[in-house]
Structure formats: C-alpha cells, structure tokens
Amino acid sequence: MKACVFPGQGSQYAGMGLSLYQSIPKAKYLFEQANEILGFNIADIMFYGTEEDLTQTKVTQPAIYLHSTILTICMGERFCPDMVAGHSLGEFSALVANKCLKFEDGLNLVAQRAMAMQKACEEQQSGMAAVTNLNSDAVNDVCKSITGEIVVAANYNHPNQTVISGTLKGIEQATGLLLAKGARRVLPLKVGGAFHSPLMEKAKNSLATAIEHTHFYTPVCPVYQNYTAMPSMDGEEIKDNLIAQLTAPVKWMQTVRNMICDGATSFLEIGPGEILKSIIKKIDITIEADSISTINIT
C-alpha cells in the first residue's frame, strides 16, 4: 500500500515552486488564483524572495501548502495513495490530496491559521527546540518538572528527536536539564513561536471558527491525523482533530508506525524538501521512502 505524506513548516526554501509555475499551465493558473485569494503576490515571494522573507509564518504556511497541493493536483492520475498524512501544517495539504477539502478552502484555512499563529507569536517571547538522542519519556519528565514557565513536548518526530515548545525562559531552563539527562544537543529552531503548545490557545480559538464554517467532504482515503496518530474518514472528527492540533503535540512517529502497521509499504513525500523522507527512514530503516518536489509536463 502506498502512503503519501506532506511536509510542514521548516521545509521552505527560496525558489520553491518556480519550476512548476514555469513548466505546467495548470500550476501557473493555481499560483495566480492563490495570489488573488490571499490578496498579495505569494508566488513572487516563493520564487524570488529571500530565506528571511519565507520565514514569516503568514508567508511560510501558505507557501508550503501551495507547493504541496499544486504539485499533487498536477500529478493527476499518477497520484493514487491508499492513505495520507501531513506533518502539522502539512495535514491541510493531505486533506486536499484525499479530496476532503477543496484547494481554495484549504488555502483560506491555512492563511487564517498562519495569521492567527503569527499574532499569537507576536504577543509573547517563545520558540521551539529540537532535542536529540534522548527518549521522549525523559523529555516529557523534564518539561513537567519546570514550574513558572510553559514548556512542553510538541513534536514526536522519531526515536532520537523530540521537539519542545514554550516560552524562551522555559526552553532555557529545560535545555540544561535535558543535557544533564544525556541529550546530545538542544537546538533552537527558526520558527515564529511556540507552536503546538498551550501558548497557541488564542490561535486555536480563531481557527476553530473558520474550520467550523468550512465544508469538509467525504475523503477518498483515510488521513492519519497528528492529534491522534490514527486514521479518519469522518469529516466532523477530522475538523475536531485539526482544531485540537494547534495546542497538542504532533505524534508523527506514532503516525508513521500506525500507517506501516495498517499496510503501508512505501511512503512518498510531496512538496518542498526531503525532511519527512529522512524522518521516516529514522523511524523504520527498512521502509521504502522517497520524495518529489517538482514534475515536468512537455
């Protein structure tokens, strides 16, 4: 069985999507449609902007969504997964891929999600950091031991990497304790704030209203969601899990293992970069994993 997965924030790069725009008329049309929906020329930022331009949450999230979904649409009949999943933001791309969301509805939700998250980030000094070579139980124990600050496990990526999220002071306190417990390093990430933590509560409430007013269709294949790491084909359940995702950890390691347990024999990462391909191989070195970031139609 074939699983298709979609990357989240952190996979962006300058020039992303340009080859699609230049070589495929359908892609060009969709990028220009996206410019109109968003009210600014995101294609120009993706194609010709700097790395710094792309790190703004309000730009990063729709840019990654557009790269992944437009590539998926242009793949046409070559895209035929048995199951899908997306890492954090990538879950919206997965829901377009399995026909649960229309392209434009997904873009509107991602744009609102990005703006709500950026606003929440601007209201606090917060961030995220990747903890390597320390098991997730030990990371959780350290986070729970810290008082007076917020710091939680936010992404369970693979057996040797858990990402923490919280206030800068909370992360600073956690760093010393994690290193003392045997972590190889605690590396601050270049993100706008404390995603997948209680500090995103306002953003979650804002997104909830938008999601509740968006029509979700019956998907053609199950989506394995970050909040539960389990498959779903139920529109209302998918909505609830999407909302919960903003303040809950991304259970990516558990998701991949469940997909393999349910019959996935190969994974294809669709969108910018190869981050998920690399992570999947660290979860199960025996599984087939590949990535695709562009196609050419002549």
C-alpha atoms as a PDB file:
ATOM      1  CA  MET A   1       0.000   0.000   0.000  1.00  0.00           C
ATOM      2  CA  LYS A   2       1.177   3.496  -0.849  1.00  0.00           C
ATOM      3  CA  ALA A   3       1.231   6.327   1.686  1.00  0.00           C
ATOM      4  CA  CYS A   4       1.650   9.971   0.685  1.00  0.00           C
ATOM      5  CA  VAL A   5       2.859  12.490   3.248  1.00  0.00           C
ATOM      6  CA  PHE A   6       3.114  16.263   3.234  1.00  0.00           C
ATOM      7  CA  PRO A   7       5.708  18.471   4.969  1.00  0.00           C
ATOM      8  CA  GLY A   8       5.130  21.315   7.390  1.00  0.00           C
ATOM      9  CA  GLN A   9       6.886  24.484   8.454  1.00  0.00           C
ATOM     10  CA  GLY A  10      10.658  24.353   8.122  1.00  0.00           C
ATOM     11  CA  SER A  11      10.755  22.737   4.682  1.00  0.00           C
ATOM     12  CA  GLN A  12      10.509  26.023   2.748  1.00  0.00           C
ATOM     13  CA  TYR A  13      13.340  27.293   0.543  1.00  0.00           C
ATOM     14  CA  ALA A  14      13.908  30.240  -1.801  1.00  0.00           C
ATOM     15  CA  GLY A  15      12.711  29.434  -5.314  1.00  0.00           C
ATOM     16  CA  MET A  16      10.196  26.812  -4.188  1.00  0.00           C
ATOM     17  CA  GLY A  17       7.534  26.032  -6.780  1.00  0.00           C
ATOM     18  CA  LEU A  18       9.132  28.060  -9.592  1.00  0.00           C
ATOM     19  CA  SER A  19       9.752  25.105 -11.900  1.00  0.00           C
ATOM     20  CA  LEU A  20       6.101  24.057 -11.550  1.00  0.00           C
ATOM     21  CA  TYR A  21       4.943  27.558 -12.450  1.00  0.00           C
ATOM     22  CA  GLN A  22       7.243  27.756 -15.473  1.00  0.00           C
ATOM     23  CA  SER A  23       6.542  24.318 -16.944  1.00  0.00           C
ATOM     24  CA  ILE A  24       2.888  23.494 -16.202  1.00  0.00           C
ATOM     25  CA  PRO A  25      -0.012  25.782 -17.252  1.00  0.00           C
ATOM     26  CA  LYS A  26      -2.310  24.311 -14.578  1.00  0.00           C
ATOM     27  CA  ALA A  27       0.241  25.153 -11.892  1.00  0.00           C
ATOM     28  CA  LYS A  28       0.597  28.707 -13.211  1.00  0.00           C
ATOM     29  CA  TYR A  29      -3.171  29.135 -13.063  1.00  0.00           C
ATOM     30  CA  LEU A  30      -3.349  27.845  -9.476  1.00  0.00           C
ATOM     31  CA  PHE A  31      -0.499  30.075  -8.262  1.00  0.00           C
ATOM     32  CA  GLU A  32      -2.225  33.108  -9.798  1.00  0.00           C
ATOM     33  CA  GLN A  33      -5.530  32.044  -8.232  1.00  0.00           C
ATOM     34  CA  ALA A  34      -3.734  31.840  -4.880  1.00  0.00           C
ATOM     35  CA  ASN A  35      -2.405  35.391  -5.296  1.00  0.00           C
ATOM     36  CA  GLU A  36      -5.993  36.603  -5.729  1.00  0.00           C
ATOM     37  CA  ILE A  37      -7.329  34.621  -2.766  1.00  0.00           C
ATOM     38  CA  LEU A  38      -4.578  35.811  -0.418  1.00  0.00           C
ATOM     39  CA  GLY A  39      -4.561  39.407  -1.629  1.00  0.00           C
ATOM     40  CA  PHE A  40      -0.802  39.549  -2.138  1.00  0.00           C
ATOM     41  CA  ASN A  41       1.691  38.038  -4.584  1.00  0.00           C
ATOM     42  CA  ILE A  42       2.816  34.985  -2.639  1.00  0.00           C
ATOM     43  CA  ALA A  43       4.126  33.354  -5.824  1.00  0.00           C
ATOM     44  CA  ASP A  44       6.620  36.182  -6.263  1.00  0.00           C
ATOM     45  CA  ILE A  45       7.856  35.723  -2.669  1.00  0.00           C
ATOM     46  CA  MET A  46       8.176  31.965  -3.148  1.00  0.00           C
ATOM     47  CA  PHE A  47      10.029  32.244  -6.441  1.00  0.00           C
ATOM     48  CA  TYR A  48      12.222  35.289  -5.880  1.00  0.00           C
ATOM     49  CA  GLY A  49      12.093  36.157  -2.177  1.00  0.00           C
ATOM     50  CA  THR A  50      14.861  35.602   0.340  1.00  0.00           C
ATOM     51  CA  GLU A  51      15.040  32.925   3.015  1.00  0.00           C
ATOM     52  CA  GLU A  52      14.147  35.645   5.519  1.00  0.00           C
ATOM     53  CA  ASP A  53      11.030  36.583   3.522  1.00  0.00           C
ATOM     54  CA  LEU A  54       9.901  32.973   3.685  1.00  0.00           C
ATOM     55  CA  THR A  55      10.351  32.602   7.443  1.00  0.00           C
ATOM     56  CA  GLN A  56       7.382  34.841   8.265  1.00  0.00           C
ATOM     57  CA  THR A  57       4.644  32.480   9.454  1.00  0.00           C
ATOM     58  CA  LYS A  58       1.980  34.292   7.401  1.00  0.00           C
ATOM     59  CA  VAL A  59       4.062  33.552   4.282  1.00  0.00           C
ATOM     60  CA  THR A  60       5.667  30.216   5.188  1.00  0.00           C
ATOM     61  CA  GLN A  61       2.490  28.271   5.823  1.00  0.00           C
ATOM     62  CA  PRO A  62       0.557  29.155   2.644  1.00  0.00           C
ATOM     63  CA  ALA A  63       3.772  28.823   0.605  1.00  0.00           C
ATOM     64  CA  ILE A  64       4.379  25.235   1.745  1.00  0.00           C
ATOM     65  CA  TYR A  65       0.683  24.406   1.350  1.00  0.00           C
ATOM     66  CA  LEU A  66       0.689  25.770  -2.209  1.00  0.00           C
ATOM     67  CA  HIS A  67       3.827  23.913  -3.243  1.00  0.00           C
ATOM     68  CA  SER A  68       2.469  20.592  -1.953  1.00  0.00           C
ATOM     69  CA  THR A  69      -1.126  20.883  -3.161  1.00  0.00           C
ATOM     70  CA  ILE A  70      -0.337  22.308  -6.606  1.00  0.00           C
ATOM     71  CA  LEU A  71       2.226  19.568  -7.157  1.00  0.00           C
ATOM     72  CA  THR A  72      -0.344  16.963  -6.092  1.00  0.00           C
ATOM     73  CA  ILE A  73      -3.001  18.358  -8.443  1.00  0.00           C
ATOM     74  CA  CYS A  74      -0.542  18.460 -11.354  1.00  0.00           C
ATOM     75  CA  MET A  75       0.476  14.837 -10.755  1.00  0.00           C
ATOM     76  CA  GLY A  76      -3.059  13.878 -11.791  1.00  0.00           C
ATOM     77  CA  GLU A  77      -3.546  10.147 -12.289  1.00  0.00           C
ATOM     78  CA  ARG A  78      -0.028   9.459 -11.055  1.00  0.00           C
ATOM     79  CA  PHE A  79      -1.268  10.406  -7.579  1.00  0.00           C
ATOM     80  CA  CYS A  80      -3.177   7.452  -6.153  1.00  0.00           C
ATOM     81  CA  PRO A  81      -2.403   6.857  -2.461  1.00  0.00           C
ATOM     82  CA  ASP A  82      -4.091   4.394  -0.162  1.00  0.00           C
ATOM     83  CA  MET A  83      -3.578   6.677   2.836  1.00  0.00           C
ATOM     84  CA  VAL A  84      -2.280  10.192   3.555  1.00  0.00           C
ATOM     85  CA  ALA A  85      -0.831  12.223   6.420  1.00  0.00           C
ATOM     86  CA  GLY A  86       0.784  15.604   6.912  1.00  0.00           C
ATOM     87  CA  HIS A  87       3.201  16.965   9.493  1.00  0.00           C
ATOM     88  CA  SER A  88       1.480  19.836  11.345  1.00  0.00           C
ATOM     89  CA  LEU A  89       0.629  22.363   8.596  1.00  0.00           C
ATOM     90  CA  GLY A  90       1.025  19.502   6.098  1.00  0.00           C
ATOM     91  CA  GLU A  91      -2.217  17.973   7.348  1.00  0.00           C
ATOM     92  CA  PHE A  92      -4.117  20.607   5.338  1.00  0.00           C
ATOM     93  CA  SER A  93      -2.280  19.535   2.169  1.00  0.00           C
ATOM     94  CA  ALA A  94      -3.149  15.918   2.977  1.00  0.00           C
ATOM     95  CA  LEU A  95      -6.828  16.837   3.243  1.00  0.00           C
ATOM     96  CA  VAL A  96      -6.786  18.416  -0.208  1.00  0.00           C
ATOM     97  CA  ALA A  97      -4.990  15.348  -1.535  1.00  0.00           C
ATOM     98  CA  ASN A  98      -7.668  12.964  -0.258  1.00  0.00           C
ATOM     99  CA  LYS A  99     -10.490  15.232  -1.529  1.00  0.00           C
ATOM    100  CA  CYS A 100     -11.719  16.176   1.948  1.00  0.00           C
ATOM    101  CA  LEU A 101     -11.014  19.877   1.269  1.00  0.00           C
ATOM    102  CA  LYS A 102     -11.178  21.936  -1.886  1.00  0.00           C
ATOM    103  CA  PHE A 103      -7.937  23.658  -2.883  1.00  0.00           C
ATOM    104  CA  GLU A 104      -9.257  27.177  -2.271  1.00  0.00           C
ATOM    105  CA  ASP A 105     -10.940  26.259   1.030  1.00  0.00           C
ATOM    106  CA  GLY A 106      -7.722  24.724   2.286  1.00  0.00           C
ATOM    107  CA  LEU A 107      -5.773  27.824   1.288  1.00  0.00           C
ATOM    108  CA  ASN A 108      -8.190  30.102   3.120  1.00  0.00           C
ATOM    109  CA  LEU A 109      -7.906  27.973   6.261  1.00  0.00           C
ATOM    110  CA  VAL A 110      -4.110  27.869   6.086  1.00  0.00           C
ATOM    111  CA  ALA A 111      -3.972  31.649   5.599  1.00  0.00           C
ATOM    112  CA  GLN A 112      -6.198  32.207   8.640  1.00  0.00           C
ATOM    113  CA  ARG A 113      -4.219  29.671  10.658  1.00  0.00           C
ATOM    114  CA  ALA A 114      -0.951  31.394   9.752  1.00  0.00           C
ATOM    115  CA  MET A 115      -2.198  34.871  10.645  1.00  0.00           C
ATOM    116  CA  ALA A 116      -3.659  33.681  13.958  1.00  0.00           C
ATOM    117  CA  MET A 117      -0.430  31.879  14.861  1.00  0.00           C
ATOM    118  CA  GLN A 118       1.753  34.834  13.879  1.00  0.00           C
ATOM    119  CA  LYS A 119      -0.382  37.146  16.012  1.00  0.00           C
ATOM    120  CA  ALA A 120      -0.067  34.771  18.964  1.00  0.00           C
ATOM    121  CA  CYS A 121       3.712  34.648  18.453  1.00  0.00           C
ATOM    122  CA  GLU A 122       3.988  38.445  18.461  1.00  0.00           C
ATOM    123  CA  GLU A 123       2.295  38.609  21.853  1.00  0.00           C
ATOM    124  CA  GLN A 124       4.929  36.521  23.644  1.00  0.00           C
ATOM    125  CA  GLN A 125       8.592  35.579  23.705  1.00  0.00           C
ATOM    126  CA  SER A 126       8.507  31.943  22.762  1.00  0.00           C
ATOM    127  CA  GLY A 127      10.044  29.340  20.497  1.00  0.00           C
ATOM    128  CA  MET A 128      10.864  25.693  19.846  1.00  0.00           C
ATOM    129  CA  ALA A 129      13.958  23.499  20.109  1.00  0.00           C
ATOM    130  CA  ALA A 130      14.883  20.029  18.857  1.00  0.00           C
ATOM    131  CA  VAL A 131      16.146  17.572  21.461  1.00  0.00           C
ATOM    132  CA  THR A 132      18.314  14.766  20.063  1.00  0.00           C
ATOM    133  CA  ASN A 133      19.356  11.382  21.452  1.00  0.00           C
ATOM    134  CA  LEU A 134      17.035  11.388  24.435  1.00  0.00           C
ATOM    135  CA  ASN A 135      13.848   9.335  24.608  1.00  0.00           C
ATOM    136  CA  SER A 136      10.522  11.116  24.637  1.00  0.00           C
ATOM    137  CA  ASP A 137       9.593   9.920  28.147  1.00  0.00           C
ATOM    138  CA  ALA A 138      12.676  11.637  29.561  1.00  0.00           C
ATOM    139  CA  VAL A 139      11.864  14.812  27.591  1.00  0.00           C
ATOM    140  CA  ASN A 140       8.316  14.787  28.953  1.00  0.00           C
ATOM    141  CA  ASP A 141       9.563  14.332  32.507  1.00  0.00           C
ATOM    142  CA  VAL A 142      11.858  17.351  32.207  1.00  0.00           C
ATOM    143  CA  CYS A 143       9.100  19.530  30.755  1.00  0.00           C
ATOM    144  CA  LYS A 144       6.709  18.571  33.550  1.00  0.00           C
ATOM    145  CA  SER A 145       9.319  19.374  36.195  1.00  0.00           C
ATOM    146  CA  ILE A 146       9.560  23.040  35.183  1.00  0.00           C
ATOM    147  CA  THR A 147       7.340  25.453  37.087  1.00  0.00           C
ATOM    148  CA  GLY A 148       6.545  29.103  36.446  1.00  0.00           C
ATOM    149  CA  GLU A 149       7.139  28.779  32.697  1.00  0.00           C
ATOM    150  CA  ILE A 150       5.469  26.906  29.855  1.00  0.00           C
ATOM    151  CA  VAL A 151       7.437  24.215  28.022  1.00  0.00           C
ATOM    152  CA  VAL A 152       6.003  21.025  26.528  1.00  0.00           C
ATOM    153  CA  ALA A 153       6.899  18.233  24.109  1.00  0.00           C
ATOM    154  CA  ALA A 154       5.477  19.451  20.787  1.00  0.00           C
ATOM    155  CA  ASN A 155       6.670  17.058  18.067  1.00  0.00           C
ATOM    156  CA  TYR A 156       7.452  13.367  18.470  1.00  0.00           C
ATOM    157  CA  ASN A 157       9.402  13.133  15.218  1.00  0.00           C
ATOM    158  CA  HIS A 158      11.423   9.932  15.541  1.00  0.00           C
ATOM    159  CA  PRO A 159      13.010   7.836  18.322  1.00  0.00           C
ATOM    160  CA  ASN A 160      16.002  10.167  18.622  1.00  0.00           C
ATOM    161  CA  GLN A 161      14.280  13.523  18.201  1.00  0.00           C
ATOM    162  CA  THR A 162      11.567  15.248  20.182  1.00  0.00           C
ATOM    163  CA  VAL A 163      10.837  18.946  19.704  1.00  0.00           C
ATOM    164  CA  ILE A 164       9.946  21.072  22.727  1.00  0.00           C
ATOM    165  CA  SER A 165       7.903  24.270  22.617  1.00  0.00           C
ATOM    166  CA  GLY A 166       7.234  27.078  25.065  1.00  0.00           C
ATOM    167  CA  THR A 167       8.432  30.368  26.470  1.00  0.00           C
ATOM    168  CA  LEU A 168      12.062  31.236  25.820  1.00  0.00           C
ATOM    169  CA  LYS A 169      12.754  31.109  29.558  1.00  0.00           C
ATOM    170  CA  GLY A 170      11.061  27.727  29.795  1.00  0.00           C
ATOM    171  CA  ILE A 171      13.137  26.337  26.939  1.00  0.00           C
ATOM    172  CA  GLU A 172      16.288  27.762  28.520  1.00  0.00           C
ATOM    173  CA  GLN A 173      15.511  26.042  31.822  1.00  0.00           C
ATOM    174  CA  ALA A 174      14.678  22.783  30.059  1.00  0.00           C
ATOM    175  CA  THR A 175      17.864  22.837  27.995  1.00  0.00           C
ATOM    176  CA  GLY A 176      20.202  22.478  30.961  1.00  0.00           C
ATOM    177  CA  LEU A 177      18.138  19.668  32.462  1.00  0.00           C
ATOM    178  CA  LEU A 178      17.871  17.812  29.147  1.00  0.00           C
ATOM    179  CA  LEU A 179      21.607  17.976  28.546  1.00  0.00           C
ATOM    180  CA  ALA A 180      22.204  16.751  32.079  1.00  0.00           C
ATOM    181  CA  LYS A 181      19.942  13.757  31.373  1.00  0.00           C
ATOM    182  CA  GLY A 182      22.029  12.817  28.347  1.00  0.00           C
ATOM    183  CA  ALA A 183      20.608  14.707  25.367  1.00  0.00           C
ATOM    184  CA  ARG A 184      23.290  15.190  22.716  1.00  0.00           C
ATOM    185  CA  ARG A 185      22.047  18.706  21.982  1.00  0.00           C
ATOM    186  CA  VAL A 186      19.054  21.012  22.254  1.00  0.00           C
ATOM    187  CA  LEU A 187      18.930  23.047  19.054  1.00  0.00           C
ATOM    188  CA  PRO A 188      16.718  26.178  18.816  1.00  0.00           C
ATOM    189  CA  LEU A 189      14.566  26.127  15.677  1.00  0.00           C
ATOM    190  CA  LYS A 190      13.997  29.030  13.287  1.00  0.00           C
ATOM    191  CA  VAL A 191      10.248  29.321  13.846  1.00  0.00           C
ATOM    192  CA  GLY A 192       7.996  32.197  14.820  1.00  0.00           C
ATOM    193  CA  GLY A 193       6.956  30.924  18.233  1.00  0.00           C
ATOM    194  CA  ALA A 194       5.717  28.098  20.445  1.00  0.00           C
ATOM    195  CA  PHE A 195       3.672  26.013  18.021  1.00  0.00           C
ATOM    196  CA  HIS A 196       1.750  23.004  19.355  1.00  0.00           C
ATOM    197  CA  SER A 197       1.756  24.335  22.901  1.00  0.00           C
ATOM    198  CA  PRO A 198      -0.783  25.984  25.231  1.00  0.00           C
ATOM    199  CA  LEU A 199       0.556  29.348  24.014  1.00  0.00           C
ATOM    200  CA  MET A 200      -1.405  28.770  20.776  1.00  0.00           C
ATOM    201  CA  GLU A 201      -4.781  28.744  22.567  1.00  0.00           C
ATOM    202  CA  LYS A 202      -5.945  32.073  21.069  1.00  0.00           C
ATOM    203  CA  ALA A 203      -4.903  30.940  17.601  1.00  0.00           C
ATOM    204  CA  LYS A 204      -6.808  27.672  18.096  1.00  0.00           C
ATOM    205  CA  ASN A 205      -9.998  29.511  19.009  1.00  0.00           C
ATOM    206  CA  SER A 206      -9.685  31.718  15.936  1.00  0.00           C
ATOM    207  CA  LEU A 207      -9.056  28.768  13.639  1.00  0.00           C
ATOM    208  CA  ALA A 208     -11.916  26.777  15.147  1.00  0.00           C
ATOM    209  CA  THR A 209     -14.469  29.310  13.894  1.00  0.00           C
ATOM    210  CA  ALA A 210     -13.054  29.183  10.370  1.00  0.00           C
ATOM    211  CA  ILE A 211     -12.947  25.386  10.295  1.00  0.00           C
ATOM    212  CA  GLU A 212     -16.479  25.044  11.615  1.00  0.00           C
ATOM    213  CA  HIS A 213     -17.728  27.227   8.741  1.00  0.00           C
ATOM    214  CA  THR A 214     -15.867  25.259   6.058  1.00  0.00           C
ATOM    215  CA  HIS A 215     -17.378  22.265   4.279  1.00  0.00           C
ATOM    216  CA  PHE A 216     -15.374  19.062   4.593  1.00  0.00           C
ATOM    217  CA  TYR A 217     -16.182  16.357   2.033  1.00  0.00           C
ATOM    218  CA  THR A 218     -16.016  12.586   2.488  1.00  0.00           C
ATOM    219  CA  PRO A 219     -12.379  11.699   1.760  1.00  0.00           C
ATOM    220  CA  VAL A 220     -11.388   9.080  -0.810  1.00  0.00           C
ATOM    221  CA  CYS A 221      -8.817   7.536   1.528  1.00  0.00           C
ATOM    222  CA  PRO A 222      -8.051   7.842   5.253  1.00  0.00           C
ATOM    223  CA  VAL A 223      -5.979  10.649   6.727  1.00  0.00           C
ATOM    224  CA  TYR A 224      -3.810   9.817   9.730  1.00  0.00           C
ATOM    225  CA  GLN A 225      -4.049  12.878  11.931  1.00  0.00           C
ATOM    226  CA  ASN A 226      -1.393  14.477  14.135  1.00  0.00           C
ATOM    227  CA  TYR A 227      -3.643  14.738  17.178  1.00  0.00           C
ATOM    228  CA  THR A 228      -4.496  11.030  17.413  1.00  0.00           C
ATOM    229  CA  ALA A 229      -1.979   9.334  15.062  1.00  0.00           C
ATOM    230  CA  MET A 230      -4.999   7.329  13.909  1.00  0.00           C
ATOM    231  CA  PRO A 231      -6.871   7.173  10.572  1.00  0.00           C
ATOM    232  CA  SER A 232     -10.125   9.001   9.958  1.00  0.00           C
ATOM    233  CA  MET A 233     -12.667   9.261   7.150  1.00  0.00           C
ATOM    234  CA  ASP A 234     -15.225  11.253   9.147  1.00  0.00           C
ATOM    235  CA  GLY A 235     -15.493  14.958   8.314  1.00  0.00           C
ATOM    236  CA  GLU A 236     -16.575  16.120  11.761  1.00  0.00           C
ATOM    237  CA  GLU A 237     -13.891  14.091  13.504  1.00  0.00           C
ATOM    238  CA  ILE A 238     -11.287  15.447  11.092  1.00  0.00           C
ATOM    239  CA  LYS A 239     -12.394  19.006  11.898  1.00  0.00           C
ATOM    240  CA  ASP A 240     -12.168  18.437  15.653  1.00  0.00           C
ATOM    241  CA  ASN A 241      -8.689  16.926  15.341  1.00  0.00           C
ATOM    242  CA  LEU A 242      -7.458  19.788  13.132  1.00  0.00           C
ATOM    243  CA  ILE A 243      -8.542  22.295  15.757  1.00  0.00           C
ATOM    244  CA  ALA A 244      -7.009  20.319  18.638  1.00  0.00           C
ATOM    245  CA  GLN A 245      -3.743  20.019  16.727  1.00  0.00           C
ATOM    246  CA  LEU A 246      -2.706  23.644  17.363  1.00  0.00           C
ATOM    247  CA  THR A 247      -2.151  23.180  21.083  1.00  0.00           C
ATOM    248  CA  ALA A 248      -1.355  19.442  21.099  1.00  0.00           C
ATOM    249  CA  PRO A 249       1.821  17.567  20.141  1.00  0.00           C
ATOM    250  CA  VAL A 250       2.396  16.245  16.630  1.00  0.00           C
ATOM    251  CA  LYS A 251       2.511  12.458  17.006  1.00  0.00           C
ATOM    252  CA  TRP A 252       4.488  11.879  13.827  1.00  0.00           C
ATOM    253  CA  MET A 253       6.485   8.843  14.936  1.00  0.00           C
ATOM    254  CA  GLN A 254       3.306   7.155  16.133  1.00  0.00           C
ATOM    255  CA  THR A 255       1.514   8.124  12.905  1.00  0.00           C
ATOM    256  CA  VAL A 256       4.133   6.564  10.645  1.00  0.00           C
ATOM    257  CA  ARG A 257       4.232   3.398  12.735  1.00  0.00           C
ATOM    258  CA  ASN A 258       0.439   3.104  12.589  1.00  0.00           C
ATOM    259  CA  MET A 259       0.451   3.581   8.808  1.00  0.00           C
ATOM    260  CA  ILE A 260       3.031   0.814   8.455  1.00  0.00           C
ATOM    261  CA  CYS A 261       1.032  -1.409  10.809  1.00  0.00           C
ATOM    262  CA  ASP A 262      -2.050  -0.800   8.639  1.00  0.00           C
ATOM    263  CA  GLY A 263      -0.244  -1.933   5.494  1.00  0.00           C
ATOM    264  CA  ALA A 264       1.837   0.966   4.154  1.00  0.00           C
ATOM    265  CA  THR A 265       4.813  -0.453   2.242  1.00  0.00           C
ATOM    266  CA  SER A 266       6.085   2.789   0.711  1.00  0.00           C
ATOM    267  CA  PHE A 267       5.977   6.498   1.530  1.00  0.00           C
ATOM    268  CA  LEU A 268       6.145   9.420  -0.896  1.00  0.00           C
ATOM    269  CA  GLU A 269       6.776  12.916   0.457  1.00  0.00           C
ATOM    270  CA  ILE A 270       5.128  15.540  -1.771  1.00  0.00           C
ATOM    271  CA  GLY A 271       6.240  19.162  -1.551  1.00  0.00           C
ATOM    272  CA  PRO A 272       9.365  21.167  -0.722  1.00  0.00           C
ATOM    273  CA  GLY A 273      12.407  19.429   0.742  1.00  0.00           C
ATOM    274  CA  GLU A 274      13.053  15.902   1.979  1.00  0.00           C
ATOM    275  CA  ILE A 275      12.590  16.315   5.734  1.00  0.00           C
ATOM    276  CA  LEU A 276       9.840  13.727   6.131  1.00  0.00           C
ATOM    277  CA  LYS A 277      11.630  11.197   3.926  1.00  0.00           C
ATOM    278  CA  SER A 278      14.621  11.432   6.255  1.00  0.00           C
ATOM    279  CA  ILE A 279      12.482  11.198   9.398  1.00  0.00           C
ATOM    280  CA  ILE A 280      10.552   8.174   8.113  1.00  0.00           C
ATOM    281  CA  LYS A 281      13.793   6.278   7.475  1.00  0.00           C
ATOM    282  CA  LYS A 282      14.824   7.016  11.069  1.00  0.00           C
ATOM    283  CA  ILE A 283      11.544   5.566  12.289  1.00  0.00           C
ATOM    284  CA  ASP A 284      11.882   2.410  10.180  1.00  0.00           C
ATOM    285  CA  ILE A 285      15.063   1.947   8.151  1.00  0.00           C
ATOM    286  CA  THR A 286      13.510  -0.958   6.211  1.00  0.00           C
ATOM    287  CA  ILE A 287      10.597   1.020   4.765  1.00  0.00           C
ATOM    288  CA  GLU A 288      10.711   2.464   1.243  1.00  0.00           C
ATOM    289  CA  ALA A 289      10.598   6.277   1.317  1.00  0.00           C
ATOM    290  CA  ASP A 290      11.020   8.825  -1.467  1.00  0.00           C
ATOM    291  CA  SER A 291      10.241  12.481  -2.145  1.00  0.00           C
ATOM    292  CA  ILE A 292       9.118  14.654  -5.046  1.00  0.00           C
ATOM    293  CA  SER A 293       9.252  18.451  -5.285  1.00  0.00           C
ATOM    294  CA  THR A 294       8.519  19.070  -8.972  1.00  0.00           C
ATOM    295  CA  ILE A 295       7.421  17.464 -12.234  1.00  0.00           C
ATOM    296  CA  ASN A 296       7.750  18.482 -15.864  1.00  0.00           C
ATOM    297  CA  ILE A 297       4.995  18.030 -18.431  1.00  0.00           C
ATOM    298  CA  THR A 298       6.009  18.633 -22.040  1.00  0.00           C
END
